[in-house]
Amino acid sequence: MKTVNSISGGKTSSYIAVNYPADYNLFSLVRTNDKKCLFPDSKIRQIVSDKLGVEFIGTLEEDIIIYTMLDLEQIIGKEINWVTGKTFDEIINRNGKKYLPNLTQRFCTTEMKLKPMFEWWQKNFNEPVEMRIGFRANEVNRAETMLQKTNQNGFSTFKTIVGKTKTGNKNKWKDIEWQKPVFPLIQDRIFKDTIEKYWSDKNVRFAYMNNCVGCFHRNEILLKKMSEKFPEKFDWFCRQEENTGYNTRTFKNGITYNKIRNHKLQIELFDDDFNECDSGYCGL
């Protein structure tokens, strides 16, 4: 079975990429068409466009994640496979109206992370692969949750179109077995302190937090901090909540991102105030 390291851009999955060599390394990037979030370096934009095979304007993740991937390729001495799906702007546009994802409808993760990875697998393989996932030794619960979603054979499946029905009027769908998740850091009892120590003297630039700047899995206090650190990107999320055409009008239930952005905090926040669960769940 071929092995694949799923890389999110954080220190943990990057640690796996270096210390657990695989047949392939895979990274899925969230893109936006919004030029207010334009990636500032035109030369790097072209490099990323060439890697993805589509035009890269900007990302709603932190810009530094682009440099993380480029740095990491130098560290591991091997190419990383970059993939991407439709832009965030495209997946929330339905017949000219906005439809926003939220905690109960996480289609953004499916469309912009899982689907591009599955389509890459579908193009290159005809049997499931072993997918290394970056959960640390203290994240057994996250691993168990992922394993509960696998089928009786221990494989994750992806529902995709495989043809047409006999009448030819409807698509025929099937759950395809495509990867078997494994957790090497849990197996080897690797904790955060080991990973932090490893990267302390390496020339790899890492983002403040993985995943989208405005990820709705994050608590409101952390989102407020993100709005201050990355105002242009956070503004994208605020603008999407304006003039939505469906019942789901906010990313978080009961509060707008604009209200979060304008909230006055009474205390100074430090990076250690947030744990791993605050950073989002957009890993594989």
C-alpha atoms as a PDB file:
ATOM      1  CA  MET A   1       0.000   0.000   0.000  1.00  0.00           C
ATOM      2  CA  LYS A   2       1.396   3.401  -0.985  1.00  0.00           C
ATOM      3  CA  THR A   3       1.953   5.893   1.839  1.00  0.00           C
ATOM      4  CA  VAL A   4       0.913   9.564   1.835  1.00  0.00           C
ATOM      5  CA  ASN A   5       1.671  12.255   4.399  1.00  0.00           C
ATOM      6  CA  SER A   6      -1.258  14.669   4.756  1.00  0.00           C
ATOM      7  CA  ILE A   7       0.334  18.081   5.388  1.00  0.00           C
ATOM      8  CA  SER A   8      -1.734  20.961   6.753  1.00  0.00           C
ATOM      9  CA  GLY A   9       1.120  23.452   7.052  1.00  0.00           C
ATOM     10  CA  GLY A  10       1.475  23.252  10.819  1.00  0.00           C
ATOM     11  CA  LYS A  11       4.449  22.038  12.823  1.00  0.00           C
ATOM     12  CA  THR A  12       2.899  18.664  13.628  1.00  0.00           C
ATOM     13  CA  SER A  13       2.099  17.437  10.124  1.00  0.00           C
ATOM     14  CA  SER A  14       5.366  18.969   8.908  1.00  0.00           C
ATOM     15  CA  TYR A  15       7.192  16.949  11.566  1.00  0.00           C
ATOM     16  CA  ILE A  16       5.644  13.819  10.096  1.00  0.00           C
ATOM     17  CA  ALA A  17       6.717  14.832   6.587  1.00  0.00           C
ATOM     18  CA  VAL A  18      10.344  15.049   7.728  1.00  0.00           C
ATOM     19  CA  ASN A  19      10.546  12.141  10.158  1.00  0.00           C
ATOM     20  CA  TYR A  20       8.199   9.634   8.521  1.00  0.00           C
ATOM     21  CA  PRO A  21       9.165   9.561   4.837  1.00  0.00           C
ATOM     22  CA  ALA A  22       6.281   8.582   2.575  1.00  0.00           C
ATOM     23  CA  ASP A  23       5.833   7.820  -1.084  1.00  0.00           C
ATOM     24  CA  TYR A  24       3.982  11.121  -1.434  1.00  0.00           C
ATOM     25  CA  ASN A  25       3.394  14.325   0.533  1.00  0.00           C
ATOM     26  CA  LEU A  26       0.078  16.099  -0.036  1.00  0.00           C
ATOM     27  CA  PHE A  27      -1.061  19.632   0.753  1.00  0.00           C
ATOM     28  CA  SER A  28      -4.477  21.154  -0.038  1.00  0.00           C
ATOM     29  CA  LEU A  29      -4.693  24.965  -0.241  1.00  0.00           C
ATOM     30  CA  VAL A  30      -7.776  27.148   0.306  1.00  0.00           C
ATOM     31  CA  ARG A  31      -7.942  29.871  -2.357  1.00  0.00           C
ATOM     32  CA  THR A  32      -9.919  33.062  -2.903  1.00  0.00           C
ATOM     33  CA  ASN A  33     -10.595  35.130  -6.031  1.00  0.00           C
ATOM     34  CA  ASP A  34     -10.839  38.291  -3.952  1.00  0.00           C
ATOM     35  CA  LYS A  35      -8.007  40.664  -4.884  1.00  0.00           C
ATOM     36  CA  LYS A  36      -8.333  42.380  -1.520  1.00  0.00           C
ATOM     37  CA  CYS A  37      -6.592  39.233  -0.264  1.00  0.00           C
ATOM     38  CA  LEU A  38      -3.988  39.277  -3.053  1.00  0.00           C
ATOM     39  CA  PHE A  39      -0.794  37.406  -2.200  1.00  0.00           C
ATOM     40  CA  PRO A  40       1.792  40.206  -2.231  1.00  0.00           C
ATOM     41  CA  ASP A  41       4.693  38.547  -4.067  1.00  0.00           C
ATOM     42  CA  SER A  42       3.931  38.165  -7.792  1.00  0.00           C
ATOM     43  CA  LYS A  43       6.805  35.737  -8.378  1.00  0.00           C
ATOM     44  CA  ILE A  44       5.610  33.429  -5.604  1.00  0.00           C
ATOM     45  CA  ARG A  45       2.045  33.719  -6.925  1.00  0.00           C
ATOM     46  CA  GLN A  46       3.268  32.359 -10.247  1.00  0.00           C
ATOM     47  CA  ILE A  47       5.167  29.520  -8.560  1.00  0.00           C
ATOM     48  CA  VAL A  48       2.030  28.530  -6.656  1.00  0.00           C
ATOM     49  CA  SER A  49      -0.113  28.816  -9.807  1.00  0.00           C
ATOM     50  CA  ASP A  50       2.269  26.453 -11.593  1.00  0.00           C
ATOM     51  CA  LYS A  51       2.158  23.961  -8.731  1.00  0.00           C
ATOM     52  CA  LEU A  52      -1.639  24.016  -8.522  1.00  0.00           C
ATOM     53  CA  GLY A  53      -2.334  24.147 -12.242  1.00  0.00           C
ATOM     54  CA  VAL A  54      -4.800  27.021 -11.746  1.00  0.00           C
ATOM     55  CA  GLU A  55      -4.426  30.750 -11.180  1.00  0.00           C
ATOM     56  CA  PHE A  56      -3.493  31.615  -7.626  1.00  0.00           C
ATOM     57  CA  ILE A  57      -4.668  35.046  -6.488  1.00  0.00           C
ATOM     58  CA  GLY A  58      -4.674  34.633  -2.744  1.00  0.00           C
ATOM     59  CA  THR A  59      -5.547  32.388   0.163  1.00  0.00           C
ATOM     60  CA  LEU A  60      -7.854  32.778   3.171  1.00  0.00           C
ATOM     61  CA  GLU A  61      -5.278  30.914   5.191  1.00  0.00           C
ATOM     62  CA  GLU A  62      -2.317  32.909   6.452  1.00  0.00           C
ATOM     63  CA  ASP A  63       0.014  33.934   3.613  1.00  0.00           C
ATOM     64  CA  ILE A  64       2.991  32.486   5.436  1.00  0.00           C
ATOM     65  CA  ILE A  65       1.672  28.962   4.835  1.00  0.00           C
ATOM     66  CA  ILE A  66       2.883  29.310   1.235  1.00  0.00           C
ATOM     67  CA  TYR A  67       6.413  29.849   2.510  1.00  0.00           C
ATOM     68  CA  THR A  68       5.979  26.959   4.942  1.00  0.00           C
ATOM     69  CA  MET A  69       5.387  24.572   2.062  1.00  0.00           C
ATOM     70  CA  LEU A  70       8.262  25.940  -0.002  1.00  0.00           C
ATOM     71  CA  ASP A  71      10.624  25.782   2.997  1.00  0.00           C
ATOM     72  CA  LEU A  72       9.466  22.269   3.842  1.00  0.00           C
ATOM     73  CA  GLU A  73      10.207  21.010   0.344  1.00  0.00           C
ATOM     74  CA  GLN A  74      13.807  22.104   0.892  1.00  0.00           C
ATOM     75  CA  ILE A  75      13.986  20.393   4.285  1.00  0.00           C
ATOM     76  CA  ILE A  76      12.623  17.031   3.116  1.00  0.00           C
ATOM     77  CA  GLY A  77      14.377  17.223  -0.261  1.00  0.00           C
ATOM     78  CA  LYS A  78      11.268  16.041  -2.027  1.00  0.00           C
ATOM     79  CA  GLU A  79       8.428  17.678  -3.922  1.00  0.00           C
ATOM     80  CA  ILE A  80       5.139  18.226  -2.143  1.00  0.00           C
ATOM     81  CA  ASN A  81       2.009  17.625  -4.192  1.00  0.00           C
ATOM     82  CA  TRP A  82      -0.081  20.818  -4.006  1.00  0.00           C
ATOM     83  CA  VAL A  83      -3.805  20.519  -4.749  1.00  0.00           C
ATOM     84  CA  THR A  84      -6.753  22.888  -4.586  1.00  0.00           C
ATOM     85  CA  GLY A  85     -10.472  22.885  -5.311  1.00  0.00           C
ATOM     86  CA  LYS A  86     -12.877  25.660  -6.178  1.00  0.00           C
ATOM     87  CA  THR A  87     -12.230  28.950  -4.417  1.00  0.00           C
ATOM     88  CA  PHE A  88     -14.102  29.791  -1.222  1.00  0.00           C
ATOM     89  CA  ASP A  89     -15.916  32.501  -3.177  1.00  0.00           C
ATOM     90  CA  GLU A  90     -17.172  29.910  -5.657  1.00  0.00           C
ATOM     91  CA  ILE A  91     -18.369  27.263  -3.221  1.00  0.00           C
ATOM     92  CA  ILE A  92     -20.601  29.677  -1.290  1.00  0.00           C
ATOM     93  CA  ASN A  93     -22.174  31.070  -4.481  1.00  0.00           C
ATOM     94  CA  ARG A  94     -25.350  29.207  -5.359  1.00  0.00           C
ATOM     95  CA  ASN A  95     -27.321  30.637  -8.233  1.00  0.00           C
ATOM     96  CA  GLY A  96     -26.008  34.101  -7.477  1.00  0.00           C
ATOM     97  CA  LYS A  97     -26.792  33.922  -3.757  1.00  0.00           C
ATOM     98  CA  LYS A  98     -24.449  33.223  -0.866  1.00  0.00           C
ATOM     99  CA  TYR A  99     -24.805  30.088   1.209  1.00  0.00           C
ATOM    100  CA  LEU A 100     -22.449  30.018   4.181  1.00  0.00           C
ATOM    101  CA  PRO A 101     -20.969  26.931   5.856  1.00  0.00           C
ATOM    102  CA  ASN A 102     -21.246  26.568   9.618  1.00  0.00           C
ATOM    103  CA  LEU A 103     -20.763  24.013  12.392  1.00  0.00           C
ATOM    104  CA  THR A 104     -23.608  21.825  11.140  1.00  0.00           C
ATOM    105  CA  GLN A 105     -22.844  22.202   7.428  1.00  0.00           C
ATOM    106  CA  ARG A 106     -19.094  21.913   6.960  1.00  0.00           C
ATOM    107  CA  PHE A 107     -19.139  21.730   3.182  1.00  0.00           C
ATOM    108  CA  CYS A 108     -16.153  24.088   3.018  1.00  0.00           C
ATOM    109  CA  THR A 109     -13.902  21.351   4.442  1.00  0.00           C
ATOM    110  CA  THR A 110     -15.282  18.810   1.984  1.00  0.00           C
ATOM    111  CA  GLU A 111     -15.049  21.050  -1.067  1.00  0.00           C
ATOM    112  CA  MET A 112     -11.722  22.769  -0.405  1.00  0.00           C
ATOM    113  CA  LYS A 113      -9.735  20.156   1.491  1.00  0.00           C
ATOM    114  CA  LEU A 114     -11.064  16.611   1.092  1.00  0.00           C
ATOM    115  CA  LYS A 115     -12.363  16.717  -2.478  1.00  0.00           C
ATOM    116  CA  PRO A 116      -9.123  18.035  -4.037  1.00  0.00           C
ATOM    117  CA  MET A 117      -7.171  15.358  -2.135  1.00  0.00           C
ATOM    118  CA  PHE A 118      -9.577  12.644  -3.228  1.00  0.00           C
ATOM    119  CA  GLU A 119      -9.436  13.776  -6.856  1.00  0.00           C
ATOM    120  CA  TRP A 120      -5.635  13.717  -6.716  1.00  0.00           C
ATOM    121  CA  TRP A 121      -5.825  10.153  -5.375  1.00  0.00           C
ATOM    122  CA  GLN A 122      -8.404   9.197  -8.000  1.00  0.00           C
ATOM    123  CA  LYS A 123      -6.128  10.437 -10.780  1.00  0.00           C
ATOM    124  CA  ASN A 124      -3.021   8.670  -9.528  1.00  0.00           C
ATOM    125  CA  PHE A 125      -4.143   5.445  -7.827  1.00  0.00           C
ATOM    126  CA  ASN A 126      -6.534   2.547  -8.248  1.00  0.00           C
ATOM    127  CA  GLU A 127      -6.370   1.258  -4.691  1.00  0.00           C
ATOM    128  CA  PRO A 128      -6.471   2.829  -1.199  1.00  0.00           C
ATOM    129  CA  VAL A 129      -3.388   4.446   0.293  1.00  0.00           C
ATOM    130  CA  GLU A 130      -2.120   4.699   3.856  1.00  0.00           C
ATOM    131  CA  MET A 131      -2.667   8.302   4.914  1.00  0.00           C
ATOM    132  CA  ARG A 132      -0.532   9.599   7.803  1.00  0.00           C
ATOM    133  CA  ILE A 133      -2.489  12.096   9.920  1.00  0.00           C
ATOM    134  CA  GLY A 134      -0.862  14.664  12.229  1.00  0.00           C
ATOM    135  CA  PHE A 135      -2.522  13.935  15.543  1.00  0.00           C
ATOM    136  CA  ARG A 136      -0.184  13.957  18.547  1.00  0.00           C
ATOM    137  CA  ALA A 137      -0.050  11.491  21.437  1.00  0.00           C
ATOM    138  CA  ASN A 138      -2.493  13.546  23.524  1.00  0.00           C
ATOM    139  CA  GLU A 139      -5.052  13.693  20.694  1.00  0.00           C
ATOM    140  CA  VAL A 140      -6.306  10.122  20.850  1.00  0.00           C
ATOM    141  CA  ASN A 141      -9.916  11.319  20.954  1.00  0.00           C
ATOM    142  CA  ARG A 142      -9.515  13.080  17.595  1.00  0.00           C
ATOM    143  CA  ALA A 143      -8.068   9.909  16.091  1.00  0.00           C
ATOM    144  CA  GLU A 144     -10.900   7.793  17.499  1.00  0.00           C
ATOM    145  CA  THR A 145     -13.466  10.201  16.049  1.00  0.00           C
ATOM    146  CA  MET A 146     -11.863   9.876  12.624  1.00  0.00           C
ATOM    147  CA  LEU A 147     -11.706   6.085  12.872  1.00  0.00           C
ATOM    148  CA  GLN A 148     -15.396   5.933  13.778  1.00  0.00           C
ATOM    149  CA  LYS A 149     -16.117   7.382  10.334  1.00  0.00           C
ATOM    150  CA  THR A 150     -14.234   4.644   8.495  1.00  0.00           C
ATOM    151  CA  ASN A 151     -16.015   1.616   7.059  1.00  0.00           C
ATOM    152  CA  GLN A 152     -15.825  -1.975   8.272  1.00  0.00           C
ATOM    153  CA  ASN A 153     -12.587  -2.459   6.366  1.00  0.00           C
ATOM    154  CA  GLY A 154     -10.951   0.473   8.160  1.00  0.00           C
ATOM    155  CA  PHE A 155     -10.973   2.767   5.112  1.00  0.00           C
ATOM    156  CA  SER A 156     -12.269   6.296   4.746  1.00  0.00           C
ATOM    157  CA  THR A 157     -14.679   6.668   1.840  1.00  0.00           C
ATOM    158  CA  PHE A 158     -15.631   9.572  -0.403  1.00  0.00           C
ATOM    159  CA  LYS A 159     -19.008   9.830  -2.108  1.00  0.00           C
ATOM    160  CA  THR A 160     -18.575  10.706  -5.755  1.00  0.00           C
ATOM    161  CA  ILE A 161     -20.306  10.439  -9.134  1.00  0.00           C
ATOM    162  CA  VAL A 162     -19.470   7.221 -10.973  1.00  0.00           C
ATOM    163  CA  GLY A 163     -21.861   7.513 -13.921  1.00  0.00           C
ATOM    164  CA  LYS A 164     -25.517   7.883 -14.763  1.00  0.00           C
ATOM    165  CA  THR A 165     -28.598   5.909 -13.782  1.00  0.00           C
ATOM    166  CA  LYS A 166     -30.229   3.632 -16.354  1.00  0.00           C
ATOM    167  CA  THR A 167     -32.572   6.417 -17.417  1.00  0.00           C
ATOM    168  CA  GLY A 168     -29.628   8.740 -17.927  1.00  0.00           C
ATOM    169  CA  ASN A 169     -31.442  11.537 -16.118  1.00  0.00           C
ATOM    170  CA  LYS A 170     -29.645  11.347 -12.773  1.00  0.00           C
ATOM    171  CA  ASN A 171     -26.109  10.921 -11.530  1.00  0.00           C
ATOM    172  CA  LYS A 172     -25.085   7.611 -10.019  1.00  0.00           C
ATOM    173  CA  TRP A 173     -23.186   7.994  -6.751  1.00  0.00           C
ATOM    174  CA  LYS A 174     -20.912   5.598  -4.891  1.00  0.00           C
ATOM    175  CA  ASP A 175     -18.824   5.623  -1.716  1.00  0.00           C
ATOM    176  CA  ILE A 176     -15.241   4.944  -2.809  1.00  0.00           C
ATOM    177  CA  GLU A 177     -12.631   3.511  -0.446  1.00  0.00           C
ATOM    178  CA  TRP A 178      -9.567   5.705  -0.903  1.00  0.00           C
ATOM    179  CA  GLN A 179      -7.437   5.924   2.206  1.00  0.00           C
ATOM    180  CA  LYS A 180      -6.641   4.216   5.489  1.00  0.00           C
ATOM    181  CA  PRO A 181      -5.853   6.777   8.228  1.00  0.00           C
ATOM    182  CA  VAL A 182      -2.900   6.056  10.517  1.00  0.00           C
ATOM    183  CA  PHE A 183      -1.459   8.133  13.350  1.00  0.00           C
ATOM    184  CA  PRO A 184       2.311   7.670  13.701  1.00  0.00           C
ATOM    185  CA  LEU A 185       2.750  10.294  16.435  1.00  0.00           C
ATOM    186  CA  ILE A 186       0.181   8.578  18.631  1.00  0.00           C
ATOM    187  CA  GLN A 187       1.807   5.212  17.984  1.00  0.00           C
ATOM    188  CA  ASP A 188       5.250   6.592  18.890  1.00  0.00           C
ATOM    189  CA  ARG A 189       4.064   8.736  21.825  1.00  0.00           C
ATOM    190  CA  ILE A 190       5.208  12.047  20.327  1.00  0.00           C
ATOM    191  CA  PHE A 191       3.949  15.142  22.180  1.00  0.00           C
ATOM    192  CA  LYS A 192       3.996  18.860  21.384  1.00  0.00           C
ATOM    193  CA  ASP A 193       7.201  19.597  23.320  1.00  0.00           C
ATOM    194  CA  THR A 194       9.184  17.188  21.122  1.00  0.00           C
ATOM    195  CA  ILE A 195       7.828  18.811  17.977  1.00  0.00           C
ATOM    196  CA  GLU A 196       8.477  22.370  19.195  1.00  0.00           C
ATOM    197  CA  LYS A 197      12.049  21.458  20.134  1.00  0.00           C
ATOM    198  CA  TYR A 198      12.617  19.871  16.738  1.00  0.00           C
ATOM    199  CA  TRP A 199      11.613  23.001  14.812  1.00  0.00           C
ATOM    200  CA  SER A 200      13.391  25.451  17.121  1.00  0.00           C
ATOM    201  CA  ASP A 201      16.574  25.480  15.019  1.00  0.00           C
ATOM    202  CA  LYS A 202      15.115  24.775  11.550  1.00  0.00           C
ATOM    203  CA  ASN A 203      14.686  27.338   8.776  1.00  0.00           C
ATOM    204  CA  VAL A 204      10.979  26.797   8.227  1.00  0.00           C
ATOM    205  CA  ARG A 205       8.495  29.633   8.551  1.00  0.00           C
ATOM    206  CA  PHE A 206       5.223  28.642  10.222  1.00  0.00           C
ATOM    207  CA  ALA A 207       1.841  30.363  10.392  1.00  0.00           C
ATOM    208  CA  TYR A 208       0.392  31.628  13.665  1.00  0.00           C
ATOM    209  CA  MET A 209      -2.476  29.144  13.233  1.00  0.00           C
ATOM    210  CA  ASN A 210      -3.410  26.610  10.558  1.00  0.00           C
ATOM    211  CA  ASN A 211      -6.486  26.731   8.354  1.00  0.00           C
ATOM    212  CA  CYS A 212      -8.660  29.685   7.381  1.00  0.00           C
ATOM    213  CA  VAL A 213      -8.187  32.912   9.309  1.00  0.00           C
ATOM    214  CA  GLY A 214     -11.937  33.038   9.979  1.00  0.00           C
ATOM    215  CA  CYS A 215     -12.513  29.328  10.661  1.00  0.00           C
ATOM    216  CA  PHE A 216     -15.871  29.101  12.447  1.00  0.00           C
ATOM    217  CA  HIS A 217     -14.628  26.269  14.682  1.00  0.00           C
ATOM    218  CA  ARG A 218     -12.582  28.832  16.573  1.00  0.00           C
ATOM    219  CA  ASN A 219     -13.998  30.484  19.654  1.00  0.00           C
ATOM    220  CA  GLU A 220     -15.010  34.138  19.525  1.00  0.00           C
ATOM    221  CA  ILE A 221     -12.037  35.378  21.539  1.00  0.00           C
ATOM    222  CA  LEU A 222      -9.573  33.749  19.163  1.00  0.00           C
ATOM    223  CA  LEU A 223     -11.495  35.059  16.139  1.00  0.00           C
ATOM    224  CA  LYS A 224     -11.213  38.556  17.610  1.00  0.00           C
ATOM    225  CA  LYS A 225      -7.444  38.104  17.838  1.00  0.00           C
ATOM    226  CA  MET A 226      -7.331  36.844  14.240  1.00  0.00           C
ATOM    227  CA  SER A 227      -9.270  39.914  13.108  1.00  0.00           C
ATOM    228  CA  GLU A 228      -6.530  42.089  14.575  1.00  0.00           C
ATOM    229  CA  LYS A 229      -3.615  40.080  13.201  1.00  0.00           C
ATOM    230  CA  PHE A 230      -5.071  39.576   9.702  1.00  0.00           C
ATOM    231  CA  PRO A 231      -7.644  42.360   9.131  1.00  0.00           C
ATOM    232  CA  GLU A 232      -7.883  42.052   5.314  1.00  0.00           C
ATOM    233  CA  LYS A 233      -8.568  38.329   5.405  1.00  0.00           C
ATOM    234  CA  PHE A 234     -10.968  38.570   8.330  1.00  0.00           C
ATOM    235  CA  ASP A 235     -12.811  41.308   6.472  1.00  0.00           C
ATOM    236  CA  TRP A 236     -13.541  38.781   3.717  1.00  0.00           C
ATOM    237  CA  PHE A 237     -15.552  36.705   6.191  1.00  0.00           C
ATOM    238  CA  CYS A 238     -17.391  39.782   7.446  1.00  0.00           C
ATOM    239  CA  ARG A 239     -18.364  40.761   3.913  1.00  0.00           C
ATOM    240  CA  GLN A 240     -19.679  37.300   3.088  1.00  0.00           C
ATOM    241  CA  GLU A 241     -22.231  37.588   5.887  1.00  0.00           C
ATOM    242  CA  GLU A 242     -23.694  40.675   4.228  1.00  0.00           C
ATOM    243  CA  ASN A 243     -26.617  40.182   1.848  1.00  0.00           C
ATOM    244  CA  THR A 244     -26.703  36.402   2.014  1.00  0.00           C
ATOM    245  CA  GLY A 245     -29.574  34.848   0.121  1.00  0.00           C
ATOM    246  CA  TYR A 246     -30.355  31.853   2.329  1.00  0.00           C
ATOM    247  CA  ASN A 247     -31.360  31.161   5.916  1.00  0.00           C
ATOM    248  CA  THR A 248     -27.764  30.562   6.969  1.00  0.00           C
ATOM    249  CA  ARG A 249     -26.605  34.161   7.278  1.00  0.00           C
ATOM    250  CA  THR A 250     -23.678  33.824   9.696  1.00  0.00           C
ATOM    251  CA  PHE A 251     -20.717  31.494  10.087  1.00  0.00           C
ATOM    252  CA  LYS A 252     -21.346  31.188  13.823  1.00  0.00           C
ATOM    253  CA  ASN A 253     -24.768  30.779  15.354  1.00  0.00           C
ATOM    254  CA  GLY A 254     -26.150  33.917  16.974  1.00  0.00           C
ATOM    255  CA  ILE A 255     -23.335  36.363  16.242  1.00  0.00           C
ATOM    256  CA  THR A 256     -21.849  38.111  13.215  1.00  0.00           C
ATOM    257  CA  TYR A 257     -18.169  38.317  12.452  1.00  0.00           C
ATOM    258  CA  ASN A 258     -18.489  42.083  12.295  1.00  0.00           C
ATOM    259  CA  LYS A 259     -19.658  42.076  15.924  1.00  0.00           C
ATOM    260  CA  ILE A 260     -16.754  39.831  16.877  1.00  0.00           C
ATOM    261  CA  ARG A 261     -14.342  42.167  15.109  1.00  0.00           C
ATOM    262  CA  ASN A 262     -15.696  45.248  16.894  1.00  0.00           C
ATOM    263  CA  HIS A 263     -15.817  43.686  20.343  1.00  0.00           C
ATOM    264  CA  LYS A 264     -13.604  45.391  22.941  1.00  0.00           C
ATOM    265  CA  LEU A 265     -11.561  42.867  24.883  1.00  0.00           C
ATOM    266  CA  GLN A 266     -10.901  43.622  28.527  1.00  0.00           C
ATOM    267  CA  ILE A 267      -7.702  41.596  28.713  1.00  0.00           C
ATOM    268  CA  GLU A 268      -4.552  41.142  26.667  1.00  0.00           C
ATOM    269  CA  LEU A 269      -4.396  37.729  25.022  1.00  0.00           C
ATOM    270  CA  PHE A 270      -1.295  35.619  24.580  1.00  0.00           C
ATOM    271  CA  ASP A 271      -0.628  32.771  22.182  1.00  0.00           C
ATOM    272  CA  ASP A 272      -0.593  30.236  25.025  1.00  0.00           C
ATOM    273  CA  ASP A 273      -4.189  31.134  25.861  1.00  0.00           C
ATOM    274  CA  PHE A 274      -5.326  28.963  22.960  1.00  0.00           C
ATOM    275  CA  ASN A 275      -5.055  25.214  22.685  1.00  0.00           C
ATOM    276  CA  GLU A 276      -5.035  22.917  19.664  1.00  0.00           C
ATOM    277  CA  CYS A 277      -8.818  22.597  19.647  1.00  0.00           C
ATOM    278  CA  ASP A 278      -9.128  26.334  19.054  1.00  0.00           C
ATOM    279  CA  SER A 279      -7.232  26.177  15.785  1.00  0.00           C
ATOM    280  CA  GLY A 280      -9.918  24.517  13.686  1.00  0.00           C
ATOM    281  CA  TYR A 281     -10.638  21.045  12.364  1.00  0.00           C
ATOM    282  CA  CYS A 282      -9.833  21.337   8.682  1.00  0.00           C
ATOM    283  CA  GLY A 283      -7.235  18.590   8.695  1.00  0.00           C
ATOM    284  CA  LEU A 284      -8.070  15.417   6.821  1.00  0.00           C
END
